[in-house]
Amino acid sequence: ELDKWLADKKTVPTNNSSVENGNITLEDPDPTETIAPIPVYKVENAPVFPGCEVYATNEERANCLASKIKSLVKNKFNGDLAAELGLSGVQKIYVNFTINQKGEIENIKTRSTFRQLAEEAERVIKFIPKMKPAQQQNLNVPVTYSLPILFEINK
């Protein structure tokens, strides 16, 4: 009876498995399943920004990603906004966002002493184009990206 009981227990399906002819078959994980974002500097293969695919190593592609994002922010950010607000000195805006499993920007969070600067940073981050997503163990994974924006206003 113990053998029959054990045989019955072997055929209980679990998540991501199915039973065929008394055998359990594991299925591949659902690619749409929610995965917690990984910090971009810890992922096996960083997201690939358009134009960065020419680089051979992950380190080169990650450096290219950072460079392209900094360049985009520098070109799109309305630096006159701080002056219009009557600000002077060094201004800091902290931006965090996720590059999702499809390579799209989402979950943008900004922090600044001045709401208008935080809103401008969010506007600019939305210009980041879709990219090849990050990968961990050959699966597309979301990554978090932190970007401090600092600039100085001289009066």
C-alpha atoms as a PDB file:
ATOM      1  CA  GLU A   1       0.000   0.000   0.000  1.00  0.00           C
ATOM      2  CA  LEU A   2       2.929   2.327   0.630  1.00  0.00           C
ATOM      3  CA  ASP A   3       4.019   1.886  -3.019  1.00  0.00           C
ATOM      4  CA  LYS A   4       0.523   2.791  -4.242  1.00  0.00           C
ATOM      5  CA  TRP A   5       0.423   5.833  -1.947  1.00  0.00           C
ATOM      6  CA  LEU A   6       3.861   7.002  -3.186  1.00  0.00           C
ATOM      7  CA  ALA A   7       2.816   6.441  -6.791  1.00  0.00           C
ATOM      8  CA  ASP A   8      -0.245   8.625  -6.225  1.00  0.00           C
ATOM      9  CA  LYS A   9       1.891  11.383  -4.664  1.00  0.00           C
ATOM     10  CA  LYS A  10       4.264  11.492  -7.666  1.00  0.00           C
ATOM     11  CA  THR A  11       1.464  12.522  -9.986  1.00  0.00           C
ATOM     12  CA  VAL A  12       0.315  15.620  -8.114  1.00  0.00           C
ATOM     13  CA  PRO A  13       0.887  18.532 -10.474  1.00  0.00           C
ATOM     14  CA  THR A  14       2.584  21.663  -9.200  1.00  0.00           C
ATOM     15  CA  ASN A  15       2.789  25.153 -10.673  1.00  0.00           C
ATOM     16  CA  ASN A  16       4.501  25.137 -14.078  1.00  0.00           C
ATOM     17  CA  SER A  17       4.181  21.355 -14.374  1.00  0.00           C
ATOM     18  CA  SER A  18       1.848  18.886 -15.989  1.00  0.00           C
ATOM     19  CA  VAL A  19       1.233  15.183 -15.667  1.00  0.00           C
ATOM     20  CA  GLU A  20       1.395  12.931 -18.700  1.00  0.00           C
ATOM     21  CA  ASN A  21       1.111   9.144 -18.329  1.00  0.00           C
ATOM     22  CA  GLY A  22       1.986   9.415 -14.641  1.00  0.00           C
ATOM     23  CA  ASN A  23       5.153  11.440 -15.289  1.00  0.00           C
ATOM     24  CA  ILE A  24       5.613  15.032 -14.171  1.00  0.00           C
ATOM     25  CA  THR A  25       6.838  17.350 -16.896  1.00  0.00           C
ATOM     26  CA  LEU A  26       8.228  20.736 -15.887  1.00  0.00           C
ATOM     27  CA  GLU A  27       7.413  23.614 -18.197  1.00  0.00           C
ATOM     28  CA  ASP A  28       9.522  26.654 -18.939  1.00  0.00           C
ATOM     29  CA  PRO A  29       8.728  29.666 -16.749  1.00  0.00           C
ATOM     30  CA  ASP A  30       6.106  32.056 -18.064  1.00  0.00           C
ATOM     31  CA  PRO A  31       8.031  34.937 -19.724  1.00  0.00           C
ATOM     32  CA  THR A  32       5.272  37.378 -18.749  1.00  0.00           C
ATOM     33  CA  GLU A  33       5.623  36.418 -15.092  1.00  0.00           C
ATOM     34  CA  THR A  34       6.516  39.376 -12.885  1.00  0.00           C
ATOM     35  CA  ILE A  35      10.172  39.386 -11.945  1.00  0.00           C
ATOM     36  CA  ALA A  36      11.597  41.788  -9.386  1.00  0.00           C
ATOM     37  CA  PRO A  37      13.868  44.343 -11.039  1.00  0.00           C
ATOM     38  CA  ILE A  38      17.624  43.856 -10.674  1.00  0.00           C
ATOM     39  CA  PRO A  39      19.957  46.857 -10.293  1.00  0.00           C
ATOM     40  CA  VAL A  40      21.468  47.518 -13.724  1.00  0.00           C
ATOM     41  CA  TYR A  41      25.022  47.133 -12.424  1.00  0.00           C
ATOM     42  CA  LYS A  42      24.285  43.592 -11.145  1.00  0.00           C
ATOM     43  CA  VAL A  43      22.639  42.070 -14.220  1.00  0.00           C
ATOM     44  CA  GLU A  44      24.531  39.571 -16.404  1.00  0.00           C
ATOM     45  CA  ASN A  45      23.717  41.417 -19.639  1.00  0.00           C
ATOM     46  CA  ALA A  46      22.823  45.094 -19.443  1.00  0.00           C
ATOM     47  CA  PRO A  47      20.091  46.604 -21.619  1.00  0.00           C
ATOM     48  CA  VAL A  48      21.396  47.630 -25.036  1.00  0.00           C
ATOM     49  CA  PHE A  49      20.647  51.231 -26.000  1.00  0.00           C
ATOM     50  CA  PRO A  50      20.185  51.750 -29.766  1.00  0.00           C
ATOM     51  CA  GLY A  51      23.651  52.238 -31.249  1.00  0.00           C
ATOM     52  CA  CYS A  52      25.411  50.334 -28.441  1.00  0.00           C
ATOM     53  CA  GLU A  53      24.973  46.893 -30.037  1.00  0.00           C
ATOM     54  CA  VAL A  54      28.300  47.404 -31.862  1.00  0.00           C
ATOM     55  CA  TYR A  55      30.198  46.759 -28.636  1.00  0.00           C
ATOM     56  CA  ALA A  56      31.344  43.219 -27.880  1.00  0.00           C
ATOM     57  CA  THR A  57      31.420  43.094 -24.085  1.00  0.00           C
ATOM     58  CA  ASN A  58      28.720  43.689 -21.515  1.00  0.00           C
ATOM     59  CA  GLU A  59      30.918  46.306 -19.815  1.00  0.00           C
ATOM     60  CA  GLU A  60      31.276  48.270 -23.057  1.00  0.00           C
ATOM     61  CA  ARG A  61      27.516  48.082 -23.738  1.00  0.00           C
ATOM     62  CA  ALA A  62      26.753  49.172 -20.140  1.00  0.00           C
ATOM     63  CA  ASN A  63      29.159  52.124 -20.466  1.00  0.00           C
ATOM     64  CA  CYS A  64      27.576  53.030 -23.809  1.00  0.00           C
ATOM     65  CA  LEU A  65      24.100  52.874 -22.192  1.00  0.00           C
ATOM     66  CA  ALA A  66      25.185  55.262 -19.431  1.00  0.00           C
ATOM     67  CA  SER A  67      26.846  57.601 -21.925  1.00  0.00           C
ATOM     68  CA  LYS A  68      23.802  57.675 -24.232  1.00  0.00           C
ATOM     69  CA  ILE A  69      21.403  58.368 -21.344  1.00  0.00           C
ATOM     70  CA  LYS A  70      23.621  61.189 -20.009  1.00  0.00           C
ATOM     71  CA  SER A  71      23.884  62.690 -23.492  1.00  0.00           C
ATOM     72  CA  LEU A  72      20.112  62.514 -24.009  1.00  0.00           C
ATOM     73  CA  VAL A  73      19.465  64.218 -20.652  1.00  0.00           C
ATOM     74  CA  LYS A  74      22.053  66.915 -21.378  1.00  0.00           C
ATOM     75  CA  ASN A  75      20.476  67.650 -24.788  1.00  0.00           C
ATOM     76  CA  LYS A  76      16.814  67.528 -23.765  1.00  0.00           C
ATOM     77  CA  PHE A  77      16.821  68.989 -20.238  1.00  0.00           C
ATOM     78  CA  ASN A  78      15.610  72.592 -20.081  1.00  0.00           C
ATOM     79  CA  GLY A  79      18.498  74.142 -18.134  1.00  0.00           C
ATOM     80  CA  ASP A  80      16.855  77.553 -18.334  1.00  0.00           C
ATOM     81  CA  LEU A  81      14.098  76.294 -16.065  1.00  0.00           C
ATOM     82  CA  ALA A  82      16.272  76.664 -12.945  1.00  0.00           C
ATOM     83  CA  ALA A  83      17.121  80.236 -13.844  1.00  0.00           C
ATOM     84  CA  GLU A  84      13.433  80.971 -14.523  1.00  0.00           C
ATOM     85  CA  LEU A  85      12.722  79.711 -11.006  1.00  0.00           C
ATOM     86  CA  GLY A  86      15.343  82.122  -9.643  1.00  0.00           C
ATOM     87  CA  LEU A  87      17.634  79.316  -8.493  1.00  0.00           C
ATOM     88  CA  SER A  88      21.406  79.529  -8.214  1.00  0.00           C
ATOM     89  CA  GLY A  89      24.245  77.209  -7.299  1.00  0.00           C
ATOM     90  CA  VAL A  90      24.294  73.446  -7.722  1.00  0.00           C
ATOM     91  CA  GLN A  91      20.922  71.810  -8.307  1.00  0.00           C
ATOM     92  CA  LYS A  92      20.395  68.071  -7.814  1.00  0.00           C
ATOM     93  CA  ILE A  93      17.639  65.878  -9.150  1.00  0.00           C
ATOM     94  CA  TYR A  94      17.545  62.168  -8.371  1.00  0.00           C
ATOM     95  CA  VAL A  95      15.878  59.925 -10.924  1.00  0.00           C
ATOM     96  CA  ASN A  96      15.122  56.203 -10.685  1.00  0.00           C
ATOM     97  CA  PHE A  97      13.345  54.185 -13.324  1.00  0.00           C
ATOM     98  CA  THR A  98      12.896  50.640 -14.543  1.00  0.00           C
ATOM     99  CA  ILE A  99      13.843  49.284 -17.949  1.00  0.00           C
ATOM    100  CA  ASN A 100      11.254  46.517 -18.216  1.00  0.00           C
ATOM    101  CA  GLN A 101      11.405  43.054 -19.834  1.00  0.00           C
ATOM    102  CA  LYS A 102      10.419  44.616 -23.167  1.00  0.00           C
ATOM    103  CA  GLY A 103      13.185  47.247 -23.005  1.00  0.00           C
ATOM    104  CA  GLU A 104      10.764  50.089 -22.252  1.00  0.00           C
ATOM    105  CA  ILE A 105      11.095  52.772 -19.573  1.00  0.00           C
ATOM    106  CA  GLU A 106       8.531  52.640 -16.764  1.00  0.00           C
ATOM    107  CA  ASN A 107       8.072  53.427 -13.081  1.00  0.00           C
ATOM    108  CA  ILE A 108       9.890  56.784 -13.260  1.00  0.00           C
ATOM    109  CA  LYS A 109      10.488  58.349  -9.852  1.00  0.00           C
ATOM    110  CA  THR A 110      12.098  61.752  -9.434  1.00  0.00           C
ATOM    111  CA  ARG A 111      13.151  63.688  -6.358  1.00  0.00           C
ATOM    112  CA  SER A 112      14.242  67.302  -6.147  1.00  0.00           C
ATOM    113  CA  THR A 113      13.854  70.263  -3.847  1.00  0.00           C
ATOM    114  CA  PHE A 114      11.821  71.871  -6.617  1.00  0.00           C
ATOM    115  CA  ARG A 115       8.804  70.114  -8.113  1.00  0.00           C
ATOM    116  CA  GLN A 116       9.330  71.788 -11.513  1.00  0.00           C
ATOM    117  CA  LEU A 117      12.838  70.328 -11.814  1.00  0.00           C
ATOM    118  CA  ALA A 118      11.571  66.856 -10.891  1.00  0.00           C
ATOM    119  CA  GLU A 119       8.800  67.152 -13.503  1.00  0.00           C
ATOM    120  CA  GLU A 120      11.319  68.262 -16.148  1.00  0.00           C
ATOM    121  CA  ALA A 121      13.552  65.294 -15.338  1.00  0.00           C
ATOM    122  CA  GLU A 122      10.598  62.920 -15.740  1.00  0.00           C
ATOM    123  CA  ARG A 123       9.686  64.545 -19.077  1.00  0.00           C
ATOM    124  CA  VAL A 124      13.234  64.051 -20.348  1.00  0.00           C
ATOM    125  CA  ILE A 125      13.510  60.417 -19.191  1.00  0.00           C
ATOM    126  CA  LYS A 126      10.432  59.619 -21.294  1.00  0.00           C
ATOM    127  CA  PHE A 127      12.569  60.367 -24.404  1.00  0.00           C
ATOM    128  CA  ILE A 128      14.739  57.298 -23.753  1.00  0.00           C
ATOM    129  CA  PRO A 129      13.998  54.942 -26.659  1.00  0.00           C
ATOM    130  CA  LYS A 130      13.002  51.313 -26.436  1.00  0.00           C
ATOM    131  CA  MET A 131      16.076  49.118 -26.196  1.00  0.00           C
ATOM    132  CA  LYS A 132      17.092  45.489 -26.131  1.00  0.00           C
ATOM    133  CA  PRO A 133      16.144  44.337 -22.610  1.00  0.00           C
ATOM    134  CA  ALA A 134      18.586  43.181 -19.959  1.00  0.00           C
ATOM    135  CA  GLN A 135      19.116  39.442 -19.579  1.00  0.00           C
ATOM    136  CA  GLN A 136      19.819  37.192 -16.637  1.00  0.00           C
ATOM    137  CA  GLN A 137      20.310  33.476 -17.311  1.00  0.00           C
ATOM    138  CA  ASN A 138      19.070  34.007 -20.901  1.00  0.00           C
ATOM    139  CA  LEU A 139      15.750  35.474 -19.719  1.00  0.00           C
ATOM    140  CA  ASN A 140      14.679  39.071 -20.290  1.00  0.00           C
ATOM    141  CA  VAL A 141      14.567  40.791 -16.908  1.00  0.00           C
ATOM    142  CA  PRO A 142      13.664  44.263 -15.679  1.00  0.00           C
ATOM    143  CA  VAL A 143      16.434  46.416 -14.251  1.00  0.00           C
ATOM    144  CA  THR A 144      16.448  49.523 -12.098  1.00  0.00           C
ATOM    145  CA  TYR A 145      18.502  52.485 -13.176  1.00  0.00           C
ATOM    146  CA  SER A 146      19.496  55.412 -10.937  1.00  0.00           C
ATOM    147  CA  LEU A 147      20.540  58.694 -12.465  1.00  0.00           C
ATOM    148  CA  PRO A 148      21.576  61.755 -10.487  1.00  0.00           C
ATOM    149  CA  ILE A 149      21.239  64.952 -12.522  1.00  0.00           C
ATOM    150  CA  LEU A 150      23.437  67.772 -11.266  1.00  0.00           C
ATOM    151  CA  PHE A 151      23.931  71.185 -12.796  1.00  0.00           C
ATOM    152  CA  GLU A 152      25.148  74.570 -11.658  1.00  0.00           C
ATOM    153  CA  ILE A 153      23.399  77.883 -12.138  1.00  0.00           C
ATOM    154  CA  ASN A 154      25.643  80.939 -12.104  1.00  0.00           C
ATOM    155  CA  LYS A 155      23.975  84.296 -11.546  1.00  0.00           C
END
